[in-house]
Amino acid sequence: MGGGRVVVGRHVYGNLYGCDQEVLRDEAALITIVKEAVKVANAILLSIGSYRFGPDGGLTVFAVVAESHISIHTWPEHGFATVDVYTCGDHTDPKAAFDYIASRLRPKKVEAFFGDRSMYGE
């Protein structure tokens, strides 16, 4: 059997409950957090964007990295956020980036899920 992984892909995603509502509303802060998470993951930032849903609504901040993507989606009125970190390559650490984002959003509860999105050789 198998010659090991040919493509390394790791996906860490989850739900953050009871987050700091002010941070969840702060577009500039979330952009900074995602940029810092890119560094923590040892990934290469290609572009970053954000979108606010109405004047008091939630935000989406999405970074495209050479190795895939990092995103945060917020619902400040509920203190809720979802975080997605997917990277390819042995040189990246998506869990460290996820943990960094969670630490900055200060949730009372974190649910994290892990997906192996690798390809294994014959």
N, C-alpha and C. Protein backbone atom coordinates (compact mmCIF):
# COMPACT_ATOMS: atom_id res chain seq x y z
N MET A 1 0.83 -1.21 0.00
CA MET A 1 0.00 0.00 0.00
C MET A 1 0.85 1.24 0.00
N GLY A 2 0.35 2.27 -0.39
CA GLY A 2 0.64 3.68 -0.48
C GLY A 2 2.06 4.18 -0.37
N GLY A 3 2.31 5.14 -1.16
CA GLY A 3 3.59 5.84 -1.13
C GLY A 3 3.50 7.15 -0.38
N GLY A 4 2.47 7.33 0.44
CA GLY A 4 2.34 8.55 1.21
C GLY A 4 1.51 9.61 0.51
N ARG A 5 1.51 10.78 1.12
CA ARG A 5 0.72 11.88 0.56
C ARG A 5 1.44 12.52 -0.62
N VAL A 6 0.71 12.68 -1.69
CA VAL A 6 1.23 13.34 -2.88
C VAL A 6 0.88 14.83 -2.81
N VAL A 7 -0.32 15.12 -2.31
CA VAL A 7 -0.79 16.49 -2.11
C VAL A 7 -1.17 16.62 -0.64
N VAL A 8 -0.67 17.65 0.04
CA VAL A 8 -1.00 17.88 1.44
C VAL A 8 -2.04 18.98 1.51
N GLY A 9 -3.20 18.66 2.05
CA GLY A 9 -4.26 19.65 2.23
C GLY A 9 -4.89 19.46 3.59
N ARG A 10 -4.93 20.54 4.37
CA ARG A 10 -5.53 20.46 5.70
C ARG A 10 -6.53 21.59 5.86
N HIS A 11 -7.68 21.24 6.42
CA HIS A 11 -8.78 22.19 6.55
C HIS A 11 -9.20 22.22 8.02
N VAL A 12 -9.13 23.40 8.62
CA VAL A 12 -9.57 23.58 10.00
C VAL A 12 -10.68 24.63 9.95
N TYR A 13 -11.85 24.26 10.46
CA TYR A 13 -12.99 25.18 10.40
C TYR A 13 -13.82 25.00 11.66
N GLY A 14 -14.60 26.01 11.98
CA GLY A 14 -15.38 25.86 13.19
C GLY A 14 -16.28 27.03 13.50
N ASN A 15 -16.93 26.90 14.67
CA ASN A 15 -17.92 27.87 15.14
C ASN A 15 -17.44 28.44 16.46
N LEU A 16 -17.54 29.75 16.60
CA LEU A 16 -17.12 30.44 17.81
C LEU A 16 -18.33 31.13 18.43
N TYR A 17 -18.65 30.77 19.66
CA TYR A 17 -19.83 31.26 20.36
C TYR A 17 -19.43 32.22 21.48
N GLY A 18 -20.26 33.23 21.71
CA GLY A 18 -20.01 34.15 22.81
C GLY A 18 -18.80 35.03 22.58
N CYS A 19 -18.57 35.41 21.32
CA CYS A 19 -17.42 36.25 20.98
C CYS A 19 -17.63 37.70 21.41
N ASP A 20 -16.55 38.45 21.43
CA ASP A 20 -16.58 39.88 21.71
C ASP A 20 -17.35 40.56 20.57
N GLN A 21 -18.53 41.08 20.86
CA GLN A 21 -19.38 41.66 19.82
C GLN A 21 -18.76 42.88 19.15
N GLU A 22 -18.01 43.66 19.89
CA GLU A 22 -17.36 44.84 19.30
C GLU A 22 -16.34 44.43 18.24
N VAL A 23 -15.56 43.40 18.52
CA VAL A 23 -14.58 42.92 17.54
C VAL A 23 -15.31 42.38 16.31
N LEU A 24 -16.41 41.69 16.52
CA LEU A 24 -17.16 41.13 15.39
C LEU A 24 -17.73 42.21 14.48
N ARG A 25 -17.89 43.42 14.98
CA ARG A 25 -18.41 44.55 14.19
C ARG A 25 -17.30 45.39 13.55
N ASP A 26 -16.06 45.17 13.97
CA ASP A 26 -14.94 46.05 13.60
C ASP A 26 -14.21 45.52 12.37
N GLU A 27 -14.58 46.08 11.22
CA GLU A 27 -14.03 45.61 9.95
C GLU A 27 -12.51 45.71 9.90
N ALA A 28 -11.96 46.85 10.33
CA ALA A 28 -10.51 47.04 10.30
C ALA A 28 -9.81 46.02 11.20
N ALA A 29 -10.38 45.78 12.38
CA ALA A 29 -9.77 44.81 13.30
C ALA A 29 -9.79 43.41 12.69
N LEU A 30 -10.90 43.03 12.08
CA LEU A 30 -11.00 41.69 11.49
C LEU A 30 -10.03 41.52 10.33
N ILE A 31 -9.86 42.56 9.53
CA ILE A 31 -8.89 42.50 8.42
C ILE A 31 -7.49 42.29 8.99
N THR A 32 -7.15 43.03 10.04
CA THR A 32 -5.84 42.87 10.67
C THR A 32 -5.68 41.47 11.23
N ILE A 33 -6.71 40.95 11.89
CA ILE A 33 -6.65 39.60 12.45
C ILE A 33 -6.40 38.56 11.36
N VAL A 34 -7.09 38.70 10.23
CA VAL A 34 -6.90 37.74 9.14
C VAL A 34 -5.49 37.87 8.56
N LYS A 35 -5.00 39.09 8.38
CA LYS A 35 -3.63 39.28 7.88
C LYS A 35 -2.62 38.64 8.82
N GLU A 36 -2.81 38.81 10.11
CA GLU A 36 -1.91 38.20 11.09
C GLU A 36 -2.02 36.68 11.07
N ALA A 37 -3.23 36.16 10.88
CA ALA A 37 -3.43 34.71 10.80
C ALA A 37 -2.71 34.12 9.59
N VAL A 38 -2.66 34.86 8.50
CA VAL A 38 -1.91 34.41 7.32
C VAL A 38 -0.45 34.19 7.70
N LYS A 39 0.12 35.13 8.45
CA LYS A 39 1.52 35.00 8.89
C LYS A 39 1.69 33.81 9.82
N VAL A 40 0.75 33.67 10.77
CA VAL A 40 0.81 32.56 11.73
C VAL A 40 0.75 31.22 10.99
N ALA A 41 -0.03 31.16 9.93
CA ALA A 41 -0.16 29.93 9.14
C ALA A 41 1.06 29.67 8.26
N ASN A 42 1.95 30.66 8.15
CA ASN A 42 3.10 30.59 7.25
C ASN A 42 2.65 30.49 5.79
N ALA A 43 1.60 31.25 5.48
CA ALA A 43 1.05 31.27 4.13
C ALA A 43 1.43 32.59 3.45
N ILE A 44 1.13 32.68 2.17
CA ILE A 44 1.45 33.87 1.37
C ILE A 44 0.14 34.55 0.98
N LEU A 45 -0.05 35.79 1.45
CA LEU A 45 -1.26 36.55 1.17
C LEU A 45 -1.26 37.04 -0.28
N LEU A 46 -2.33 36.71 -1.00
CA LEU A 46 -2.49 37.20 -2.37
C LEU A 46 -3.46 38.37 -2.43
N SER A 47 -4.60 38.25 -1.72
CA SER A 47 -5.56 39.34 -1.68
C SER A 47 -6.45 39.17 -0.46
N ILE A 48 -7.08 40.29 -0.07
CA ILE A 48 -7.99 40.25 1.07
C ILE A 48 -9.16 41.16 0.74
N GLY A 49 -10.34 40.74 1.15
CA GLY A 49 -11.53 41.53 0.92
C GLY A 49 -12.48 41.42 2.09
N SER A 50 -13.44 42.34 2.13
CA SER A 50 -14.43 42.29 3.20
C SER A 50 -15.76 42.80 2.68
N TYR A 51 -16.81 42.39 3.36
CA TYR A 51 -18.16 42.82 2.99
C TYR A 51 -18.97 42.93 4.27
N ARG A 52 -19.65 44.08 4.42
CA ARG A 52 -20.51 44.30 5.57
C ARG A 52 -21.96 44.12 5.14
N PHE A 53 -22.73 43.38 5.93
CA PHE A 53 -24.13 43.11 5.64
C PHE A 53 -25.00 44.14 6.36
N GLY A 54 -25.23 45.27 5.75
CA GLY A 54 -26.04 46.33 6.35
C GLY A 54 -25.25 47.14 7.35
N PRO A 55 -25.78 48.28 7.78
CA PRO A 55 -25.02 49.20 8.64
C PRO A 55 -24.64 48.62 9.99
N ASP A 56 -25.44 47.74 10.55
CA ASP A 56 -25.12 47.13 11.84
C ASP A 56 -25.00 45.62 11.75
N GLY A 57 -24.89 45.13 10.53
CA GLY A 57 -24.87 43.69 10.33
C GLY A 57 -23.49 43.09 10.50
N GLY A 58 -23.41 41.84 10.17
CA GLY A 58 -22.17 41.10 10.28
C GLY A 58 -21.23 41.41 9.14
N LEU A 59 -20.08 40.77 9.21
CA LEU A 59 -19.02 40.97 8.23
C LEU A 59 -18.51 39.64 7.71
N THR A 60 -18.04 39.67 6.50
CA THR A 60 -17.24 38.58 5.96
C THR A 60 -15.89 39.17 5.61
N VAL A 61 -14.83 38.54 6.09
CA VAL A 61 -13.47 38.90 5.70
C VAL A 61 -12.85 37.65 5.11
N PHE A 62 -12.31 37.78 3.91
CA PHE A 62 -11.84 36.61 3.16
C PHE A 62 -10.46 36.90 2.58
N ALA A 63 -9.49 36.06 2.93
CA ALA A 63 -8.14 36.18 2.37
C ALA A 63 -7.90 35.03 1.41
N VAL A 64 -7.43 35.38 0.22
CA VAL A 64 -6.95 34.37 -0.71
C VAL A 64 -5.45 34.28 -0.47
N VAL A 65 -5.00 33.09 -0.15
CA VAL A 65 -3.57 32.86 0.04
C VAL A 65 -3.08 31.93 -1.06
N ALA A 66 -1.79 31.93 -1.33
CA ALA A 66 -1.26 31.07 -2.37
C ALA A 66 -1.62 29.61 -2.10
N GLU A 67 -1.77 29.29 -0.81
CA GLU A 67 -2.04 27.91 -0.40
C GLU A 67 -3.54 27.60 -0.27
N SER A 68 -4.43 28.54 -0.42
CA SER A 68 -5.89 28.38 -0.46
C SER A 68 -6.61 29.60 0.13
N HIS A 69 -7.21 29.50 1.36
CA HIS A 69 -7.97 30.65 1.86
C HIS A 69 -8.13 30.63 3.38
N ILE A 70 -8.46 31.81 3.91
CA ILE A 70 -8.82 31.99 5.32
C ILE A 70 -10.03 32.92 5.33
N SER A 71 -11.07 32.56 6.09
CA SER A 71 -12.25 33.43 6.15
C SER A 71 -12.84 33.49 7.55
N ILE A 72 -13.47 34.64 7.82
CA ILE A 72 -14.26 34.84 9.03
C ILE A 72 -15.61 35.39 8.60
N HIS A 73 -16.69 34.84 9.16
CA HIS A 73 -18.04 35.35 8.93
C HIS A 73 -18.63 35.64 10.31
N THR A 74 -19.16 36.85 10.50
CA THR A 74 -19.62 37.23 11.85
C THR A 74 -21.10 37.58 11.89
N TRP A 75 -21.69 37.30 13.05
CA TRP A 75 -23.05 37.68 13.40
C TRP A 75 -22.95 38.37 14.77
N PRO A 76 -22.58 39.67 14.78
CA PRO A 76 -22.31 40.35 16.06
C PRO A 76 -23.49 40.34 17.03
N GLU A 77 -24.70 40.42 16.50
CA GLU A 77 -25.88 40.46 17.35
C GLU A 77 -26.05 39.17 18.16
N HIS A 78 -25.39 38.10 17.71
CA HIS A 78 -25.46 36.81 18.40
C HIS A 78 -24.11 36.44 19.04
N GLY A 79 -23.10 37.29 18.88
CA GLY A 79 -21.77 36.96 19.39
C GLY A 79 -21.19 35.72 18.73
N PHE A 80 -21.55 35.49 17.46
CA PHE A 80 -21.23 34.25 16.76
C PHE A 80 -20.36 34.53 15.55
N ALA A 81 -19.39 33.64 15.31
CA ALA A 81 -18.56 33.73 14.13
C ALA A 81 -18.23 32.33 13.64
N THR A 82 -18.04 32.21 12.33
CA THR A 82 -17.50 30.97 11.77
C THR A 82 -16.15 31.30 11.16
N VAL A 83 -15.24 30.37 11.26
CA VAL A 83 -13.87 30.57 10.79
C VAL A 83 -13.49 29.36 9.94
N ASP A 84 -12.79 29.64 8.84
CA ASP A 84 -12.41 28.61 7.89
C ASP A 84 -10.95 28.85 7.51
N VAL A 85 -10.09 27.87 7.71
CA VAL A 85 -8.68 27.97 7.31
C VAL A 85 -8.34 26.70 6.54
N TYR A 86 -8.06 26.86 5.26
CA TYR A 86 -7.69 25.72 4.42
C TYR A 86 -6.37 26.04 3.75
N THR A 87 -5.38 25.19 3.96
CA THR A 87 -4.08 25.41 3.32
C THR A 87 -3.55 24.10 2.75
N CYS A 88 -2.71 24.27 1.76
CA CYS A 88 -2.01 23.15 1.15
C CYS A 88 -0.52 23.29 1.44
N GLY A 89 0.15 22.18 1.55
CA GLY A 89 1.60 22.18 1.74
C GLY A 89 2.01 21.92 3.17
N ASP A 90 3.10 21.19 3.31
CA ASP A 90 3.64 20.86 4.63
C ASP A 90 4.15 22.07 5.38
N HIS A 91 4.45 23.14 4.68
CA HIS A 91 5.04 24.33 5.33
C HIS A 91 3.99 25.19 6.05
N THR A 92 2.71 24.88 5.89
CA THR A 92 1.65 25.70 6.49
C THR A 92 1.09 25.06 7.75
N ASP A 93 0.47 25.90 8.59
CA ASP A 93 -0.11 25.42 9.84
C ASP A 93 -1.51 26.03 10.01
N PRO A 94 -2.53 25.42 9.40
CA PRO A 94 -3.87 26.00 9.49
C PRO A 94 -4.45 25.98 10.90
N LYS A 95 -4.08 25.01 11.72
CA LYS A 95 -4.60 24.98 13.08
C LYS A 95 -4.07 26.16 13.90
N ALA A 96 -2.81 26.50 13.72
CA ALA A 96 -2.25 27.65 14.44
C ALA A 96 -2.98 28.92 14.04
N ALA A 97 -3.32 29.06 12.75
CA ALA A 97 -4.05 30.25 12.28
C ALA A 97 -5.46 30.27 12.86
N PHE A 98 -6.14 29.12 12.87
CA PHE A 98 -7.48 29.04 13.46
C PHE A 98 -7.44 29.42 14.93
N ASP A 99 -6.48 28.85 15.66
CA ASP A 99 -6.37 29.14 17.10
C ASP A 99 -6.07 30.61 17.34
N TYR A 100 -5.25 31.20 16.48
CA TYR A 100 -4.93 32.63 16.62
C TYR A 100 -6.20 33.48 16.45
N ILE A 101 -6.97 33.20 15.41
CA ILE A 101 -8.21 33.95 15.17
C ILE A 101 -9.15 33.79 16.36
N ALA A 102 -9.31 32.56 16.83
CA ALA A 102 -10.18 32.32 17.98
C ALA A 102 -9.72 33.12 19.19
N SER A 103 -8.42 33.18 19.43
CA SER A 103 -7.92 33.92 20.59
C SER A 103 -8.25 35.40 20.50
N ARG A 104 -8.26 35.94 19.29
CA ARG A 104 -8.54 37.36 19.10
C ARG A 104 -10.03 37.68 19.19
N LEU A 105 -10.90 36.71 18.87
CA LEU A 105 -12.35 36.94 18.94
C LEU A 105 -12.91 36.64 20.33
N ARG A 106 -12.10 36.04 21.18
CA ARG A 106 -12.42 35.77 22.59
C ARG A 106 -13.76 35.05 22.80
N PRO A 107 -13.96 33.91 22.16
CA PRO A 107 -15.22 33.18 22.34
C PRO A 107 -15.28 32.50 23.71
N LYS A 108 -16.49 32.27 24.15
CA LYS A 108 -16.71 31.49 25.36
C LYS A 108 -16.69 29.99 25.04
N LYS A 109 -17.00 29.64 23.79
CA LYS A 109 -17.02 28.24 23.36
C LYS A 109 -16.53 28.15 21.92
N VAL A 110 -15.71 27.14 21.65
CA VAL A 110 -15.19 26.90 20.30
C VAL A 110 -15.51 25.46 19.89
N GLU A 111 -16.04 25.32 18.69
CA GLU A 111 -16.17 24.00 18.05
C GLU A 111 -15.25 24.01 16.85
N ALA A 112 -14.28 23.11 16.83
CA ALA A 112 -13.33 23.04 15.71
C ALA A 112 -13.44 21.68 15.04
N PHE A 113 -13.32 21.70 13.74
CA PHE A 113 -13.40 20.49 12.92
C PHE A 113 -12.17 20.43 12.02
N PHE A 114 -11.74 19.23 11.71
CA PHE A 114 -10.51 19.05 10.93
C PHE A 114 -10.79 18.13 9.76
N GLY A 115 -10.36 18.57 8.58
CA GLY A 115 -10.54 17.75 7.39
C GLY A 115 -9.20 17.53 6.72
N ASP A 116 -8.93 16.27 6.37
CA ASP A 116 -7.73 15.95 5.60
C ASP A 116 -8.13 16.00 4.14
N ARG A 117 -7.59 16.96 3.42
CA ARG A 117 -7.95 17.12 2.02
C ARG A 117 -6.74 16.79 1.14
N SER A 118 -6.00 15.79 1.58
CA SER A 118 -4.79 15.36 0.89
C SER A 118 -5.10 14.30 -0.16
N MET A 119 -4.17 14.14 -1.05
CA MET A 119 -4.23 13.04 -2.04
C MET A 119 -3.10 12.10 -1.70
N TYR A 120 -3.42 10.83 -1.65
CA TYR A 120 -2.43 9.82 -1.30
C TYR A 120 -2.03 9.02 -2.53
N GLY A 121 -0.73 8.78 -2.66
CA GLY A 121 -0.21 8.04 -3.80
C GLY A 121 -0.38 6.54 -3.64
N GLU A 122 -0.20 5.84 -4.70
CA GLU A 122 -0.34 4.38 -4.71
C GLU A 122 0.90 3.73 -4.14
